[in-house]
């Protein structure tokens, strides 16, 4: 699935981007939580935490952009539905019921195209949201492990380094 465009909102995006940068896509593969997180050495754990935070920042900026596109396509869909209904109603459809007029509107090629674009934007947003949530959950798990390690008595940590 192609990423929907932010083209209709470029003036807003330009203004935003002149003040704030969006997160760049992190280098490397998407991080995965190891099965035995407690066995990772501290430096590797911190590196993994940093990766999850970086991917989370990137996913959040992508999610917000996807939400903007979804709203834009929803508005476009409503516009095409309304204009199509108005145009069809004026074409000698005086005997039509509201249900029949809406059915004609819903099969209009412009309305179908706008609906497809909206559904694609919605799907992209939902997929992006799932990636963001996965990053957040991973970072939370690692944060808990880091807190657990920090809360260990300094003597226990020191002793663990020499006996391992």
C-alpha atoms as a PDB file:
ATOM      1  CA  UNK A   1       0.000   0.000   0.000  1.00  0.00           C
ATOM      2  CA  UNK A   2       1.389   3.408  -0.922  1.00  0.00           C
ATOM      3  CA  UNK A   3       1.729   6.064   1.731  1.00  0.00           C
ATOM      4  CA  UNK A   4      -0.975   8.703   1.211  1.00  0.00           C
ATOM      5  CA  UNK A   5       0.201  12.176   0.340  1.00  0.00           C
ATOM      6  CA  UNK A   6       0.068  15.265   2.514  1.00  0.00           C
ATOM      7  CA  UNK A   7      -0.185  17.406  -0.639  1.00  0.00           C
ATOM      8  CA  UNK A   8      -3.455  19.170   0.336  1.00  0.00           C
ATOM      9  CA  UNK A   9      -1.909  20.332   3.613  1.00  0.00           C
ATOM     10  CA  UNK A  10       1.472  21.510   2.281  1.00  0.00           C
ATOM     11  CA  UNK A  11       1.103  25.141   3.467  1.00  0.00           C
ATOM     12  CA  UNK A  12       0.405  23.917   6.999  1.00  0.00           C
ATOM     13  CA  UNK A  13       3.212  21.373   6.815  1.00  0.00           C
ATOM     14  CA  UNK A  14       5.603  24.002   5.482  1.00  0.00           C
ATOM     15  CA  UNK A  15       4.787  26.294   8.388  1.00  0.00           C
ATOM     16  CA  UNK A  16       5.171  23.443  10.867  1.00  0.00           C
ATOM     17  CA  UNK A  17       8.427  22.198   9.360  1.00  0.00           C
ATOM     18  CA  UNK A  18       9.903  25.706   9.480  1.00  0.00           C
ATOM     19  CA  UNK A  19       9.531  25.505  13.278  1.00  0.00           C
ATOM     20  CA  UNK A  20       9.920  21.817  14.127  1.00  0.00           C
ATOM     21  CA  UNK A  21      11.672  18.888  12.456  1.00  0.00           C
ATOM     22  CA  UNK A  22       9.908  15.574  11.983  1.00  0.00           C
ATOM     23  CA  UNK A  23      11.718  12.506  13.240  1.00  0.00           C
ATOM     24  CA  UNK A  24      13.864  10.802  10.617  1.00  0.00           C
ATOM     25  CA  UNK A  25      13.528   7.104  10.007  1.00  0.00           C
ATOM     26  CA  UNK A  26      16.064   5.381  12.268  1.00  0.00           C
ATOM     27  CA  UNK A  27      18.893   3.429  10.684  1.00  0.00           C
ATOM     28  CA  UNK A  28      18.801  -0.332  10.841  1.00  0.00           C
ATOM     29  CA  UNK A  29      15.992  -2.780  11.308  1.00  0.00           C
ATOM     30  CA  UNK A  30      12.972  -2.364  13.540  1.00  0.00           C
ATOM     31  CA  UNK A  31      13.935  -3.494  17.066  1.00  0.00           C
ATOM     32  CA  UNK A  32      12.558  -6.656  18.622  1.00  0.00           C
ATOM     33  CA  UNK A  33      12.411  -7.487  22.307  1.00  0.00           C
ATOM     34  CA  UNK A  34      14.650 -10.418  23.184  1.00  0.00           C
ATOM     35  CA  UNK A  35      13.025 -13.322  24.971  1.00  0.00           C
ATOM     36  CA  UNK A  36      15.359 -13.036  27.976  1.00  0.00           C
ATOM     37  CA  UNK A  37      15.652  -9.293  28.466  1.00  0.00           C
ATOM     38  CA  UNK A  38      17.192  -9.666  31.917  1.00  0.00           C
ATOM     39  CA  UNK A  39      20.225 -11.400  30.404  1.00  0.00           C
ATOM     40  CA  UNK A  40      21.239  -8.415  28.261  1.00  0.00           C
ATOM     41  CA  UNK A  41      24.242  -6.445  29.530  1.00  0.00           C
ATOM     42  CA  UNK A  42      23.486  -2.848  30.553  1.00  0.00           C
ATOM     43  CA  UNK A  43      25.044  -1.206  27.453  1.00  0.00           C
ATOM     44  CA  UNK A  44      23.071  -3.450  25.082  1.00  0.00           C
ATOM     45  CA  UNK A  45      19.881  -2.826  27.046  1.00  0.00           C
ATOM     46  CA  UNK A  46      20.388   0.934  26.790  1.00  0.00           C
ATOM     47  CA  UNK A  47      21.082   0.628  23.052  1.00  0.00           C
ATOM     48  CA  UNK A  48      17.871  -1.358  22.602  1.00  0.00           C
ATOM     49  CA  UNK A  49      15.942   1.214  24.645  1.00  0.00           C
ATOM     50  CA  UNK A  50      17.348   4.005  22.470  1.00  0.00           C
ATOM     51  CA  UNK A  51      16.281   2.132  19.323  1.00  0.00           C
ATOM     52  CA  UNK A  52      12.734   1.716  20.612  1.00  0.00           C
ATOM     53  CA  UNK A  53      12.552   5.403  21.539  1.00  0.00           C
ATOM     54  CA  UNK A  54      13.896   6.442  18.109  1.00  0.00           C
ATOM     55  CA  UNK A  55      11.477   4.197  16.244  1.00  0.00           C
ATOM     56  CA  UNK A  56       8.650   5.396  18.509  1.00  0.00           C
ATOM     57  CA  UNK A  57       9.398   9.040  17.700  1.00  0.00           C
ATOM     58  CA  UNK A  58       9.497   8.241  13.999  1.00  0.00           C
ATOM     59  CA  UNK A  59       6.285   6.191  14.155  1.00  0.00           C
ATOM     60  CA  UNK A  60       4.509   8.974  16.070  1.00  0.00           C
ATOM     61  CA  UNK A  61       5.390  11.576  13.437  1.00  0.00           C
ATOM     62  CA  UNK A  62       4.212   9.171  10.729  1.00  0.00           C
ATOM     63  CA  UNK A  63       1.016   8.513  12.702  1.00  0.00           C
ATOM     64  CA  UNK A  64       0.185  12.193  13.000  1.00  0.00           C
ATOM     65  CA  UNK A  65       0.746  12.683   9.282  1.00  0.00           C
ATOM     66  CA  UNK A  66      -1.448   9.664   8.539  1.00  0.00           C
ATOM     67  CA  UNK A  67      -4.193  11.111  10.755  1.00  0.00           C
ATOM     68  CA  UNK A  68      -4.020  14.388   8.819  1.00  0.00           C
ATOM     69  CA  UNK A  69      -4.317  12.541   5.517  1.00  0.00           C
ATOM     70  CA  UNK A  70      -7.190  10.439   6.851  1.00  0.00           C
ATOM     71  CA  UNK A  71      -9.117  13.537   7.917  1.00  0.00           C
ATOM     72  CA  UNK A  72      -8.446  15.190   4.561  1.00  0.00           C
ATOM     73  CA  UNK A  73      -9.701  12.174   2.619  1.00  0.00           C
ATOM     74  CA  UNK A  74     -12.772  11.867   4.875  1.00  0.00           C
ATOM     75  CA  UNK A  75     -13.599  15.501   4.131  1.00  0.00           C
ATOM     76  CA  UNK A  76     -13.101  14.911   0.407  1.00  0.00           C
ATOM     77  CA  UNK A  77     -15.372  11.872   0.529  1.00  0.00           C
ATOM     78  CA  UNK A  78     -18.137  13.879   2.235  1.00  0.00           C
ATOM     79  CA  UNK A  79     -17.707  16.651  -0.330  1.00  0.00           C
ATOM     80  CA  UNK A  80     -18.073  14.253  -3.267  1.00  0.00           C
ATOM     81  CA  UNK A  81     -21.070  12.578  -1.646  1.00  0.00           C
ATOM     82  CA  UNK A  82     -22.825  15.904  -1.084  1.00  0.00           C
ATOM     83  CA  UNK A  83     -22.083  17.405  -4.508  1.00  0.00           C
ATOM     84  CA  UNK A  84     -23.048  14.194  -6.274  1.00  0.00           C
ATOM     85  CA  UNK A  85     -26.338  14.039  -4.385  1.00  0.00           C
ATOM     86  CA  UNK A  86     -27.092  17.673  -5.166  1.00  0.00           C
ATOM     87  CA  UNK A  87     -26.217  17.262  -8.852  1.00  0.00           C
ATOM     88  CA  UNK A  88     -28.260  14.085  -9.220  1.00  0.00           C
ATOM     89  CA  UNK A  89     -31.230  15.596  -7.429  1.00  0.00           C
ATOM     90  CA  UNK A  90     -31.295  18.422  -9.943  1.00  0.00           C
ATOM     91  CA  UNK A  91     -31.291  16.086 -12.962  1.00  0.00           C
ATOM     92  CA  UNK A  92     -35.022  15.387 -13.091  1.00  0.00           C
ATOM     93  CA  UNK A  93     -34.969  13.065 -10.110  1.00  0.00           C
ATOM     94  CA  UNK A  94     -38.074  14.609  -8.592  1.00  0.00           C
ATOM     95  CA  UNK A  95     -39.776  11.252  -8.148  1.00  0.00           C
ATOM     96  CA  UNK A  96     -36.767   9.701  -6.416  1.00  0.00           C
ATOM     97  CA  UNK A  97     -36.909   8.784  -2.805  1.00  0.00           C
ATOM     98  CA  UNK A  98     -34.073   9.828  -0.531  1.00  0.00           C
ATOM     99  CA  UNK A  99     -32.966   6.205  -0.312  1.00  0.00           C
ATOM    100  CA  UNK A 100     -32.768   5.856  -4.093  1.00  0.00           C
ATOM    101  CA  UNK A 101     -30.940   9.181  -4.452  1.00  0.00           C
ATOM    102  CA  UNK A 102     -28.357   8.103  -1.844  1.00  0.00           C
ATOM    103  CA  UNK A 103     -27.947   4.739  -3.567  1.00  0.00           C
ATOM    104  CA  UNK A 104     -27.232   6.508  -6.868  1.00  0.00           C
ATOM    105  CA  UNK A 105     -24.780   8.773  -5.096  1.00  0.00           C
ATOM    106  CA  UNK A 106     -22.962   5.840  -3.517  1.00  0.00           C
ATOM    107  CA  UNK A 107     -22.266   4.182  -6.882  1.00  0.00           C
ATOM    108  CA  UNK A 108     -21.051   7.359  -8.563  1.00  0.00           C
ATOM    109  CA  UNK A 109     -17.445   6.894  -9.812  1.00  0.00           C
ATOM    110  CA  UNK A 110     -16.180  10.040  -8.057  1.00  0.00           C
ATOM    111  CA  UNK A 111     -17.755   8.972  -4.766  1.00  0.00           C
ATOM    112  CA  UNK A 112     -16.360   5.443  -5.128  1.00  0.00           C
ATOM    113  CA  UNK A 113     -12.880   6.828  -5.804  1.00  0.00           C
ATOM    114  CA  UNK A 114     -13.092   9.175  -2.801  1.00  0.00           C
ATOM    115  CA  UNK A 115     -14.313   6.308  -0.630  1.00  0.00           C
ATOM    116  CA  UNK A 116     -11.416   4.097  -1.745  1.00  0.00           C
ATOM    117  CA  UNK A 117      -8.931   6.885  -0.974  1.00  0.00           C
ATOM    118  CA  UNK A 118     -10.452   7.362   2.462  1.00  0.00           C
ATOM    119  CA  UNK A 119     -10.366   3.640   3.238  1.00  0.00           C
ATOM    120  CA  UNK A 120      -6.728   3.436   2.122  1.00  0.00           C
ATOM    121  CA  UNK A 121      -5.778   6.428   4.279  1.00  0.00           C
ATOM    122  CA  UNK A 122      -7.650   4.943   7.235  1.00  0.00           C
ATOM    123  CA  UNK A 123      -5.907   1.586   6.811  1.00  0.00           C
ATOM    124  CA  UNK A 124      -2.507   3.291   6.595  1.00  0.00           C
ATOM    125  CA  UNK A 125      -3.255   5.259   9.763  1.00  0.00           C
ATOM    126  CA  UNK A 126      -4.319   2.132  11.641  1.00  0.00           C
ATOM    127  CA  UNK A 127      -1.190   0.251  10.549  1.00  0.00           C
ATOM    128  CA  UNK A 128       1.030   3.167  11.547  1.00  0.00           C
ATOM    129  CA  UNK A 129      -0.742   3.366  14.893  1.00  0.00           C
ATOM    130  CA  UNK A 130      -0.010  -0.314  15.532  1.00  0.00           C
ATOM    131  CA  UNK A 131       3.712   0.273  14.880  1.00  0.00           C
ATOM    132  CA  UNK A 132       3.737   3.254  17.242  1.00  0.00           C
ATOM    133  CA  UNK A 133       1.982   1.251  19.977  1.00  0.00           C
ATOM    134  CA  UNK A 134       4.450  -1.598  19.513  1.00  0.00           C
ATOM    135  CA  UNK A 135       7.331   0.847  20.002  1.00  0.00           C
ATOM    136  CA  UNK A 136       5.719   2.281  23.119  1.00  0.00           C
ATOM    137  CA  UNK A 137       5.136  -1.150  24.648  1.00  0.00           C
ATOM    138  CA  UNK A 138       8.715  -2.220  23.892  1.00  0.00           C
ATOM    139  CA  UNK A 139      10.139   0.937  25.423  1.00  0.00           C
ATOM    140  CA  UNK A 140       7.956   0.487  28.508  1.00  0.00           C
ATOM    141  CA  UNK A 141       9.140  -3.087  29.036  1.00  0.00           C
ATOM    142  CA  UNK A 142      12.783  -2.024  28.706  1.00  0.00           C
ATOM    143  CA  UNK A 143      12.204   0.936  31.012  1.00  0.00           C
ATOM    144  CA  UNK A 144      10.840  -1.396  33.677  1.00  0.00           C
ATOM    145  CA  UNK A 145      13.907  -3.617  33.325  1.00  0.00           C
ATOM    146  CA  UNK A 146      16.185  -0.582  33.606  1.00  0.00           C
ATOM    147  CA  UNK A 147      14.311   0.564  36.730  1.00  0.00           C
ATOM    148  CA  UNK A 148      14.614  -2.909  38.221  1.00  0.00           C
ATOM    149  CA  UNK A 149      18.354  -2.883  37.646  1.00  0.00           C
ATOM    150  CA  UNK A 150      18.776   0.602  39.069  1.00  0.00           C
ATOM    151  CA  UNK A 151      16.809  -0.309  42.173  1.00  0.00           C
ATOM    152  CA  UNK A 152      19.076  -3.251  42.923  1.00  0.00           C
ATOM    153  CA  UNK A 153      21.399  -2.494  45.770  1.00  0.00           C
ATOM    154  CA  UNK A 154      24.789  -1.294  44.492  1.00  0.00           C
ATOM    155  CA  UNK A 155      26.472  -4.165  46.329  1.00  0.00           C
ATOM    156  CA  UNK A 156      24.324  -6.742  44.536  1.00  0.00           C
ATOM    157  CA  UNK A 157      25.188  -5.254  41.168  1.00  0.00           C
ATOM    158  CA  UNK A 158      28.874  -5.101  41.962  1.00  0.00           C
ATOM    159  CA  UNK A 159      28.842  -8.656  43.262  1.00  0.00           C
ATOM    160  CA  UNK A 160      26.919  -9.859  40.177  1.00  0.00           C
ATOM    161  CA  UNK A 161      29.594  -8.452  37.870  1.00  0.00           C
ATOM    162  CA  UNK A 162      32.350 -10.447  39.523  1.00  0.00           C
ATOM    163  CA  UNK A 163      30.499 -13.723  39.963  1.00  0.00           C
ATOM    164  CA  UNK A 164      28.972 -13.952  36.493  1.00  0.00           C
END
